C-alpha atoms as a PDB file:
ATOM      1  CA  MET A   1      -0.304  -0.013   0.158  1.00  0.00           C
ATOM      2  CA  GLN A   2       0.705   3.939  -0.378  1.00  0.00           C
ATOM      3  CA  LEU A   3      -0.291   6.094   1.818  1.00  0.00           C
ATOM      4  CA  THR A   4      -0.169  10.016   0.711  1.00  0.00           C
ATOM      5  CA  TYR A   5      -0.945  12.538   3.300  1.00  0.00           C
ATOM      6  CA  LEU A   6      -2.964  15.248   1.670  1.00  0.00           C
ATOM      7  CA  GLY A   7      -3.389  17.771   4.546  1.00  0.00           C
ATOM      8  CA  THR A   8      -1.900  17.485   8.007  1.00  0.00           C
ATOM      9  CA  ALA A   9      -3.248  20.082   9.919  1.00  0.00           C
ATOM     10  CA  ALA A  10      -5.650  20.248  12.358  1.00  0.00           C
ATOM     11  CA  ALA A  11      -9.094  22.400  12.377  1.00  0.00           C
ATOM     12  CA  GLU A  12      -8.230  25.843  12.010  1.00  0.00           C
ATOM     13  CA  GLY A  13      -5.164  24.784   9.494  1.00  0.00           C
ATOM     14  CA  LEU A  14      -1.555  26.158   9.512  1.00  0.00           C
ATOM     15  CA  PRO A  15      -1.569  28.836   9.717  1.00  0.00           C
ATOM     16  CA  ALA A  16      -4.532  28.944  10.812  1.00  0.00           C
ATOM     17  CA  VAL A  17      -7.253  31.116   8.965  1.00  0.00           C
ATOM     18  CA  PHE A  18      -7.759  34.121  11.697  1.00  0.00           C
ATOM     19  CA  CYS A  19      -4.567  34.048  13.409  1.00  0.00           C
ATOM     20  CA  ASN A  20      -1.776  36.127  13.673  1.00  0.00           C
ATOM     21  CA  CYS A  21       0.211  34.162  16.379  1.00  0.00           C
ATOM     22  CA  PRO A  22       4.035  33.767  15.948  1.00  0.00           C
ATOM     23  CA  VAL A  23       3.810  30.361  14.691  1.00  0.00           C
ATOM     24  CA  CYS A  24       1.286  30.907  12.212  1.00  0.00           C
ATOM     25  CA  ARG A  25       3.277  34.215  11.069  1.00  0.00           C
ATOM     26  CA  GLN A  26       6.502  32.025  10.938  1.00  0.00           C
ATOM     27  CA  ALA A  27       4.775  29.281   8.931  1.00  0.00           C
ATOM     28  CA  ALA A  28       3.489  31.826   6.539  1.00  0.00           C
ATOM     29  CA  ARG A  29       7.067  33.346   6.366  1.00  0.00           C
ATOM     30  CA  LEU A  30       8.687  30.075   5.728  1.00  0.00           C
ATOM     31  CA  GLY A  31       6.044  28.682   3.689  1.00  0.00           C
ATOM     32  CA  GLY A  32       7.209  25.266   1.973  1.00  0.00           C
ATOM     33  CA  ARG A  33       6.420  22.189   4.332  1.00  0.00           C
ATOM     34  CA  ASN A  34       5.638  24.765   7.120  1.00  0.00           C
ATOM     35  CA  ILE A  35       2.028  25.083   5.188  1.00  0.00           C
ATOM     36  CA  ARG A  36      -0.362  22.601   6.434  1.00  0.00           C
ATOM     37  CA  THR A  37      -4.541  22.286   4.759  1.00  0.00           C
ATOM     38  CA  ARG A  38      -7.157  20.100   6.713  1.00  0.00           C
ATOM     39  CA  SER A  39      -6.317  16.387   7.146  1.00  0.00           C
ATOM     40  CA  GLN A  40      -7.061  13.859   4.655  1.00  0.00           C
ATOM     41  CA  SER A  41      -5.059  11.217   3.799  1.00  0.00           C
ATOM     42  CA  LEU A  42      -5.170   8.679   0.519  1.00  0.00           C
ATOM     43  CA  VAL A  43      -4.673   5.127   0.321  1.00  0.00           C
ATOM     44  CA  ASN A  44      -3.085   3.971  -2.834  1.00  0.00           C
ATOM     45  CA  ARG A  45      -5.512   5.844  -5.139  1.00  0.00           C
ATOM     46  CA  ASP A  46      -8.994   4.901  -4.339  1.00  0.00           C
ATOM     47  CA  LEU A  47      -9.594   4.875  -0.473  1.00  0.00           C
ATOM     48  CA  LEU A  48      -9.735   8.191   1.052  1.00  0.00           C
ATOM     49  CA  ILE A  49      -9.779   8.858   4.610  1.00  0.00           C
ATOM     50  CA  ASP A  50     -12.145  12.094   5.641  1.00  0.00           C
ATOM     51  CA  LEU A  51     -13.402  14.818   3.555  1.00  0.00           C
ATOM     52  CA  PRO A  52     -12.439  18.050   4.647  1.00  0.00           C
ATOM     53  CA  PRO A  53     -13.003  21.724   3.242  1.00  0.00           C
ATOM     54  CA  ASP A  54      -9.669  21.786   1.786  1.00  0.00           C
ATOM     55  CA  THR A  55     -10.355  18.082  -0.502  1.00  0.00           C
ATOM     56  CA  TYR A  56     -10.572  20.482  -3.646  1.00  0.00           C
ATOM     57  CA  LEU A  57      -7.639  21.980  -3.104  1.00  0.00           C
ATOM     58  CA  HIS A  58      -5.736  18.751  -2.488  1.00  0.00           C
ATOM     59  CA  LYS A  59      -7.031  17.812  -5.927  1.00  0.00           C
ATOM     60  CA  LEU A  60      -5.208  20.346  -7.532  1.00  0.00           C
ATOM     61  CA  GLN A  61      -1.811  20.381  -5.344  1.00  0.00           C
ATOM     62  CA  ASN A  62      -1.490  16.688  -5.968  1.00  0.00           C
ATOM     63  CA  GLY A  63      -3.263  16.372  -9.343  1.00  0.00           C
ATOM     64  CA  LEU A  64      -5.362  13.820  -8.557  1.00  0.00           C
ATOM     65  CA  ASP A  65      -8.523  12.110 -10.370  1.00  0.00           C
ATOM     66  CA  LEU A  66     -11.094  11.816  -7.207  1.00  0.00           C
ATOM     67  CA  SER A  67     -13.580  10.269  -9.406  1.00  0.00           C
ATOM     68  CA  ALA A  68     -11.289   7.327  -8.948  1.00  0.00           C
ATOM     69  CA  VAL A  69     -11.960   6.918  -4.981  1.00  0.00           C
ATOM     70  CA  LYS A  70     -14.097   3.951  -4.438  1.00  0.00           C
ATOM     71  CA  TYR A  71     -14.045   4.019  -0.881  1.00  0.00           C
ATOM     72  CA  LEU A  72     -14.656   6.835   1.317  1.00  0.00           C
ATOM     73  CA  PHE A  73     -13.562   6.272   5.514  1.00  0.00           C
ATOM     74  CA  VAL A  74     -14.756   9.102   7.710  1.00  0.00           C
ATOM     75  CA  THR A  75     -13.286   9.283  10.853  1.00  0.00           C
ATOM     76  CA  HIS A  76     -16.224  11.585  12.693  1.00  0.00           C
ATOM     77  CA  TRP A  77     -18.375  14.630  11.784  1.00  0.00           C
ATOM     78  CA  HIS A  78     -16.172  17.645  13.186  1.00  0.00           C
ATOM     79  CA  MET A  79     -15.782  19.821  10.173  1.00  0.00           C
ATOM     80  CA  ASP A  80     -12.060  19.635   9.392  1.00  0.00           C
ATOM     81  CA  HIS A  81     -12.888  15.961   8.949  1.00  0.00           C
ATOM     82  CA  PHE A  82     -16.210  15.905   7.023  1.00  0.00           C
ATOM     83  CA  TYR A  83     -17.518  18.717   4.960  1.00  0.00           C
ATOM     84  CA  PRO A  84     -20.396  16.887   3.463  1.00  0.00           C
ATOM     85  CA  GLN A  85     -21.685  20.071   1.198  1.00  0.00           C
ATOM     86  CA  GLU A  86     -18.897  18.284  -1.361  1.00  0.00           C
ATOM     87  CA  LEU A  87     -20.685  15.276  -1.620  1.00  0.00           C
ATOM     88  CA  THR A  88     -23.546  16.912  -3.258  1.00  0.00           C
ATOM     89  CA  VAL A  89     -21.758  17.632  -6.311  1.00  0.00           C
ATOM     90  CA  ARG A  90     -20.451  14.209  -6.700  1.00  0.00           C
ATOM     91  CA  GLY A  91     -22.018  12.852  -9.974  1.00  0.00           C
ATOM     92  CA  SER A  92     -24.931  13.671 -12.027  1.00  0.00           C
ATOM     93  CA  TYR A  93     -24.182  16.832 -14.387  1.00  0.00           C
ATOM     94  CA  TYR A  94     -21.496  17.870 -12.044  1.00  0.00           C
ATOM     95  CA  SER A  95     -19.060  15.449 -12.834  1.00  0.00           C
ATOM     96  CA  HIS A  96     -18.444  13.593 -16.352  1.00  0.00           C
ATOM     97  CA  GLY A  97     -16.573  10.911 -17.301  1.00  0.00           C
ATOM     98  CA  MET A  98     -16.186   9.155 -13.964  1.00  0.00           C
ATOM     99  CA  VAL A  99     -13.318   6.157 -13.178  1.00  0.00           C
ATOM    100  CA  SER A 100     -15.846   5.178 -10.291  1.00  0.00           C
ATOM    101  CA  PRO A 101     -19.661   6.514 -10.448  1.00  0.00           C
ATOM    102  CA  GLU A 102     -20.321   4.849  -7.456  1.00  0.00           C
ATOM    103  CA  LEU A 103     -18.929   5.549  -3.573  1.00  0.00           C
ATOM    104  CA  GLU A 104     -18.916   3.729  -0.682  1.00  0.00           C
ATOM    105  CA  ILE A 105     -18.758   5.694   2.440  1.00  0.00           C
ATOM    106  CA  TYR A 106     -18.013   4.170   5.783  1.00  0.00           C
ATOM    107  CA  CYS A 107     -18.715   6.180   8.782  1.00  0.00           C
ATOM    108  CA  ALA A 108     -20.802   6.258  11.986  1.00  0.00           C
ATOM    109  CA  ALA A 109     -24.554   7.048  12.483  1.00  0.00           C
ATOM    110  CA  GLU A 110     -23.794  10.682  13.440  1.00  0.00           C
ATOM    111  CA  THR A 111     -21.774  11.376  10.502  1.00  0.00           C
ATOM    112  CA  ARG A 112     -24.328  10.050   8.146  1.00  0.00           C
ATOM    113  CA  ALA A 113     -26.723  12.477  10.178  1.00  0.00           C
ATOM    114  CA  GLN A 114     -24.429  15.200   9.400  1.00  0.00           C
ATOM    115  CA  PHE A 115     -25.209  14.501   5.352  1.00  0.00           C
ATOM    116  CA  GLU A 116     -28.513  14.626   5.809  1.00  0.00           C
ATOM    117  CA  LYS A 117     -28.703  18.103   6.833  1.00  0.00           C
ATOM    118  CA  VAL A 118     -27.200  19.198   3.369  1.00  0.00           C
ATOM    119  CA  SER A 119     -28.692  16.362   1.109  1.00  0.00           C
ATOM    120  CA  TRP A 120     -31.545  18.579   0.028  1.00  0.00           C
ATOM    121  CA  GLU A 121     -28.710  20.278  -2.226  1.00  0.00           C
ATOM    122  CA  ALA A 122     -28.252  16.959  -4.072  1.00  0.00           C
ATOM    123  CA  ASN A 123     -30.368  15.811  -6.984  1.00  0.00           C
ATOM    124  CA  PRO A 124     -31.589  12.201  -6.906  1.00  0.00           C
ATOM    125  CA  GLU A 125     -29.170  10.947  -9.654  1.00  0.00           C
ATOM    126  CA  THR A 126     -26.071  12.302  -6.914  1.00  0.00           C
ATOM    127  CA  LEU A 127     -27.718  10.620  -4.155  1.00  0.00           C
ATOM    128  CA  SER A 128     -28.284   7.540  -5.914  1.00  0.00           C
ATOM    129  CA  ALA A 129     -24.533   6.931  -6.294  1.00  0.00           C
ATOM    130  CA  LEU A 130     -23.524   7.513  -2.480  1.00  0.00           C
ATOM    131  CA  HIS A 131     -23.849   4.349  -0.512  1.00  0.00           C
ATOM    132  CA  PHE A 132     -23.636   4.629   3.332  1.00  0.00           C
ATOM    133  CA  HIS A 133     -22.356   1.673   5.684  1.00  0.00           C
ATOM    134  CA  ILE A 134     -22.559   2.589   9.276  1.00  0.00           C
ATOM    135  CA  LEU A 135     -19.682   1.033  11.119  1.00  0.00           C
ATOM    136  CA  ARG A 136     -19.639  -0.633  14.486  1.00  0.00           C
ATOM    137  CA  ALA A 137     -16.631  -0.462  16.707  1.00  0.00           C
ATOM    138  CA  PHE A 138     -14.073  -3.740  16.328  1.00  0.00           C
ATOM    139  CA  GLN A 139     -16.272  -5.140  13.620  1.00  0.00           C
ATOM    140  CA  PRO A 140     -14.038  -5.329  10.047  1.00  0.00           C
ATOM    141  CA  VAL A 141     -15.468  -4.372   6.734  1.00  0.00           C
ATOM    142  CA  ARG A 142     -14.850  -5.445   3.376  1.00  0.00           C
ATOM    143  CA  ALA A 143     -14.089  -2.931   0.951  1.00  0.00           C
ATOM    144  CA  GLY A 144     -12.482  -4.278  -2.296  1.00  0.00           C
ATOM    145  CA  GLU A 145      -9.616  -5.337  -1.594  1.00  0.00           C
ATOM    146  CA  TYR A 146      -8.890  -3.628   1.642  1.00  0.00           C
ATOM    147  CA  THR A 147      -9.986  -5.190   5.075  1.00  0.00           C
ATOM    148  CA  VAL A 148     -10.863  -1.863   7.417  1.00  0.00           C
ATOM    149  CA  THR A 149     -11.179  -2.158  11.050  1.00  0.00           C
ATOM    150  CA  PRO A 150     -13.004   0.866  13.085  1.00  0.00           C
ATOM    151  CA  LEU A 151     -11.241   0.935  16.501  1.00  0.00           C
ATOM    152  CA  PRO A 152     -13.029   3.752  19.059  1.00  0.00           C
ATOM    153  CA  ALA A 153     -11.005   7.101  19.280  1.00  0.00           C
ATOM    154  CA  ASN A 154     -10.550   8.570  22.381  1.00  0.00           C
ATOM    155  CA  HIS A 155     -12.152  12.085  21.335  1.00  0.00           C
ATOM    156  CA  MET A 156     -14.836  13.291  21.642  1.00  0.00           C
ATOM    157  CA  HIS A 157     -15.754  13.304  25.468  1.00  0.00           C
ATOM    158  CA  GLU A 158     -18.692  15.443  24.945  1.00  0.00           C
ATOM    159  CA  LEU A 159     -20.629  12.976  23.183  1.00  0.00           C
ATOM    160  CA  GLU A 160     -19.451  10.297  24.844  1.00  0.00           C
ATOM    161  CA  SER A 161     -20.201  11.476  28.331  1.00  0.00           C
ATOM    162  CA  ASN A 162     -23.899  11.160  26.890  1.00  0.00           C
ATOM    163  CA  GLY A 163     -24.048   8.173  25.850  1.00  0.00           C
ATOM    164  CA  LYS A 164     -22.809   8.582  22.107  1.00  0.00           C
ATOM    165  CA  PRO A 165     -20.499   6.256  20.151  1.00  0.00           C
ATOM    166  CA  HIS A 166     -16.818   7.358  20.162  1.00  0.00           C
ATOM    167  CA  PRO A 167     -15.651   8.669  16.709  1.00  0.00           C
ATOM    168  CA  TYR A 168     -13.344   5.895  15.294  1.00  0.00           C
ATOM    169  CA  PHE A 169      -9.845   5.588  13.640  1.00  0.00           C
ATOM    170  CA  TYR A 170      -8.803   2.546  11.746  1.00  0.00           C
ATOM    171  CA  LEU A 171      -6.819  -0.165  11.080  1.00  0.00           C
ATOM    172  CA  ILE A 172      -6.323  -0.632   7.352  1.00  0.00           C
ATOM    173  CA  GLU A 173      -4.814  -4.249   6.450  1.00  0.00           C
ATOM    174  CA  ALA A 174      -4.294  -5.310   2.069  1.00  0.00           C
ATOM    175  CA  GLU A 175      -1.552  -6.844  -0.036  1.00  0.00           C
ATOM    176  CA  GLY A 176      -0.504  -8.418   3.439  1.00  0.00           C
ATOM    177  CA  ARG A 177       0.393  -4.841   5.010  1.00  0.00           C
ATOM    178  CA  ARG A 178      -1.106  -3.166   7.953  1.00  0.00           C
ATOM    179  CA  LEU A 179      -1.466   0.658   8.811  1.00  0.00           C
ATOM    180  CA  LEU A 180      -2.707   2.206  11.836  1.00  0.00           C
ATOM    181  CA  TYR A 181      -4.165   5.477  11.061  1.00  0.00           C
ATOM    182  CA  ALA A 182      -5.179   6.649  14.713  1.00  0.00           C
ATOM    183  CA  HIS A 183      -5.664  10.576  14.612  1.00  0.00           C
ATOM    184  CA  ASP A 184      -8.322  12.905  16.309  1.00  0.00           C
ATOM    185  CA  THR A 185      -7.769  10.203  19.344  1.00  0.00           C
ATOM    186  CA  GLY A 186      -5.781  10.481  22.767  1.00  0.00           C
ATOM    187  CA  LEU A 187      -4.178   7.940  24.400  1.00  0.00           C
ATOM    188  CA  PHE A 188      -5.480   4.538  23.237  1.00  0.00           C
ATOM    189  CA  LEU A 189      -8.739   3.346  25.273  1.00  0.00           C
ATOM    190  CA  PRO A 190      -8.139   0.120  26.996  1.00  0.00           C
ATOM    191  CA  GLU A 191     -10.325  -2.056  25.007  1.00  0.00           C
ATOM    192  CA  VAL A 192      -8.003  -0.678  21.937  1.00  0.00           C
ATOM    193  CA  TRP A 193      -4.813  -2.008  23.225  1.00  0.00           C
ATOM    194  CA  ASP A 194      -6.686  -5.347  23.970  1.00  0.00           C
ATOM    195  CA  PHE A 195      -7.876  -5.538  20.572  1.00  0.00           C
ATOM    196  CA  LEU A 196      -4.302  -4.609  18.765  1.00  0.00           C
ATOM    197  CA  LYS A 197      -2.444  -7.188  20.903  1.00  0.00           C
ATOM    198  CA  GLU A 198      -3.747  -9.656  18.470  1.00  0.00           C
ATOM    199  CA  ARG A 199      -3.264  -7.635  15.041  1.00  0.00           C
ATOM    200  CA  GLY A 200       0.390  -7.862  14.539  1.00  0.00           C
ATOM    201  CA  PRO A 201       2.630  -7.315  12.798  1.00  0.00           C
ATOM    202  CA  ILE A 202       1.362  -3.407  11.811  1.00  0.00           C
ATOM    203  CA  HIS A 203       3.586  -1.703   9.444  1.00  0.00           C
ATOM    204  CA  LEU A 204       2.949   1.758   9.733  1.00  0.00           C
ATOM    205  CA  VAL A 205       1.460   3.628  12.583  1.00  0.00           C
ATOM    206  CA  SER A 206       0.357   7.180  12.193  1.00  0.00           C
ATOM    207  CA  LEU A 207      -0.408   9.064  15.323  1.00  0.00           C
ATOM    208  CA  ASP A 208      -1.993  12.145  16.511  1.00  0.00           C
ATOM    209  CA  GLY A 209       0.335  15.393  16.863  1.00  0.00           C
ATOM    210  CA  THR A 210      -1.683  17.813  17.696  1.00  0.00           C
ATOM    211  CA  SER A 211      -0.127  19.307  20.924  1.00  0.00           C
ATOM    212  CA  GLY A 212       3.640  19.281  20.227  1.00  0.00           C
ATOM    213  CA  LEU A 213       5.888  18.560  22.586  1.00  0.00           C
ATOM    214  CA  ARG A 214       2.948  19.155  25.442  1.00  0.00           C
ATOM    215  CA  GLU A 215       2.037  15.948  27.362  1.00  0.00           C
ATOM    216  CA  CYS A 216      -1.876  16.023  26.965  1.00  0.00           C
ATOM    217  CA  GLY A 217      -2.461  12.312  29.494  1.00  0.00           C
ATOM    218  CA  PRO A 218      -5.645   9.733  28.976  1.00  0.00           C
ATOM    219  CA  LYS A 219      -8.016  11.980  29.545  1.00  0.00           C
ATOM    220  CA  ALA A 220      -7.322  14.799  26.512  1.00  0.00           C
ATOM    221  CA  GLY A 221      -8.967  14.136  22.757  1.00  0.00           C
ATOM    222  CA  HIS A 222      -5.409  14.583  21.261  1.00  0.00           C
ATOM    223  CA  MET A 223      -1.617  13.582  21.804  1.00  0.00           C
ATOM    224  CA  GLY A 224       1.712  15.265  22.050  1.00  0.00           C
ATOM    225  CA  LEU A 225       5.225  14.045  21.690  1.00  0.00           C
ATOM    226  CA  PRO A 226       5.299  12.681  25.417  1.00  0.00           C
ATOM    227  CA  ASP A 227       2.160  10.575  24.403  1.00  0.00           C
ATOM    228  CA  ASN A 228       3.404   9.073  21.028  1.00  0.00           C
ATOM    229  CA  ILE A 229       6.037   7.958  22.556  1.00  0.00           C
ATOM    230  CA  ARG A 230       4.165   5.889  25.367  1.00  0.00           C
ATOM    231  CA  VAL A 231       1.999   4.574  22.221  1.00  0.00           C
ATOM    232  CA  ARG A 232       5.155   3.721  20.531  1.00  0.00           C
ATOM    233  CA  GLU A 233       6.773   2.131  23.424  1.00  0.00           C
ATOM    234  CA  LYS A 234       3.686  -0.066  24.062  1.00  0.00           C
ATOM    235  CA  LEU A 235       3.107  -1.273  20.701  1.00  0.00           C
ATOM    236  CA  LEU A 236       6.733  -2.478  20.678  1.00  0.00           C
ATOM    237  CA  GLU A 237       6.414  -3.851  23.757  1.00  0.00           C
ATOM    238  CA  MET A 238       3.487  -5.978  23.036  1.00  0.00           C
ATOM    239  CA  GLY A 239       5.250  -6.923  20.153  1.00  0.00           C
ATOM    240  CA  VAL A 240       2.775  -5.836  17.408  1.00  0.00           C
ATOM    241  CA  CYS A 241       5.104  -3.414  15.768  1.00  0.00           C
ATOM    242  CA  ASP A 242       9.142  -3.771  15.857  1.00  0.00           C
ATOM    243  CA  GLY A 243      12.162  -2.158  14.389  1.00  0.00           C
ATOM    244  CA  ASP A 244      11.368  -1.690  10.659  1.00  0.00           C
ATOM    245  CA  THR A 245       7.474  -0.168  11.515  1.00  0.00           C
ATOM    246  CA  LYS A 246       7.373   3.423  10.454  1.00  0.00           C
ATOM    247  CA  PHE A 247       5.846   5.798  13.171  1.00  0.00           C
ATOM    248  CA  ILE A 248       4.611   8.977  11.367  1.00  0.00           C
ATOM    249  CA  LEU A 249       2.868  12.205  13.590  1.00  0.00           C
ATOM    250  CA  ASN A 250      -0.056  13.924  11.889  1.00  0.00           C
ATOM    251  CA  HIS A 251      -2.277  16.313  12.286  1.00  0.00           C
ATOM    252  CA  PHE A 252      -0.566  19.440  13.614  1.00  0.00           C
ATOM    253  CA  SER A 253      -2.043  22.651  15.086  1.00  0.00           C
ATOM    254  CA  HIS A 254      -0.464  26.025  15.752  1.00  0.00           C
ATOM    255  CA  ASN A 255      -1.213  25.325  19.369  1.00  0.00           C
ATOM    256  CA  GLY A 256       1.568  22.855  19.487  1.00  0.00           C
ATOM    257  CA  GLY A 257       3.862  25.682  19.181  1.00  0.00           C
ATOM    258  CA  MET A 258       6.068  24.907  16.147  1.00  0.00           C
ATOM    259  CA  VAL A 259       6.307  24.514  12.646  1.00  0.00           C
ATOM    260  CA  TYR A 260       7.740  21.613  10.755  1.00  0.00           C
ATOM    261  CA  ASP A 261      11.334  22.940  10.159  1.00  0.00           C
ATOM    262  CA  GLU A 262      11.334  23.370  14.171  1.00  0.00           C
ATOM    263  CA  TYR A 263       9.604  19.927  15.086  1.00  0.00           C
ATOM    264  CA  ALA A 264      10.822  17.779  12.532  1.00  0.00           C
ATOM    265  CA  PRO A 265      14.419  17.291  13.939  1.00  0.00           C
ATOM    266  CA  LEU A 266      13.260  16.962  17.525  1.00  0.00           C
ATOM    267  CA  ALA A 267      10.406  13.965  16.469  1.00  0.00           C
ATOM    268  CA  ALA A 268      13.492  12.051  14.322  1.00  0.00           C
ATOM    269  CA  GLU A 269      15.297  12.326  18.376  1.00  0.00           C
ATOM    270  CA  LYS A 270      12.569  10.145  19.239  1.00  0.00           C
ATOM    271  CA  GLY A 271      11.871   7.886  16.302  1.00  0.00           C
ATOM    272  CA  PHE A 272       8.899   9.763  14.426  1.00  0.00           C
ATOM    273  CA  ALA A 273       8.981  11.050  10.983  1.00  0.00           C
ATOM    274  CA  VAL A 274       6.952  14.451  10.800  1.00  0.00           C
ATOM    275  CA  SER A 275       4.095  14.211   8.036  1.00  0.00           C
ATOM    276  CA  TYR A 276       4.037  17.339   5.506  1.00  0.00           C
ATOM    277  CA  ASP A 277       1.207  17.850   2.799  1.00  0.00           C
ATOM    278  CA  GLY A 278       1.622  15.892  -0.197  1.00  0.00           C
ATOM    279  CA  MET A 279       4.272  13.133   1.712  1.00  0.00           C
ATOM    280  CA  ALA A 280       3.747   9.700   0.124  1.00  0.00           C
ATOM    281  CA  VAL A 281       5.165   6.882   1.849  1.00  0.00           C
ATOM    282  CA  GLU A 282       5.426   3.345   1.699  1.00  0.00           C
ATOM    283  CA  VAL A 283       3.581   0.767   4.078  1.00  0.00           C
END
């Protein structure tokens, strides 16, 4: 498999849309890998993870044919991960000569409900080509050559405290390789650790790096480098990862306090690569 990071920022982008903090000003001045759009990734050319407002920009920047995407997995319905209006212009007279006219969408029921709020903008032909599949934690689904298991994220505590399901992150398996894509989550929940014990080897682990060098702990919805180190050490200790596993940090905020040029060498000292928009890596 190939994983391409199309966007690598948190909700506000980096530099953030309306911000003039030192980090945002520095990112804008330096440019290059220090500029980050909202988080989205592509597996090979047909499995898309999340649908942020920057999807169209990602198409242009990377020369993508997004009509070739057959499977869309959405982590959760926060705006920076799911901008449902984009789907209302997929197909019909908006999109000609599509490689894959049908799109299989995998998500939680709450995410589907966000699309229902805007589906009145889509015509019947468009709607008929969008096929939603409601996920359940730890229940794998088959999407073409991929087996994808949704794992409950430690993220949206305001919903979880009211008995709502957790958002998801994903274990993706294909071609004898395994990718753990774990963003918008704090330290893993106990039941996730229990599940992962039997799921090695994992060849690439992509972890939430929103908080920079700051430790978040078990009650936070994101991670910083001390939390990333704890996750990496436990995965290695459990034997589901080894010295050949690639560990990459992704999903960055200006609140993390550093731009790419500053953070990448610090993370490398701890065994992590740092993602940037357009970065492609073999799993």
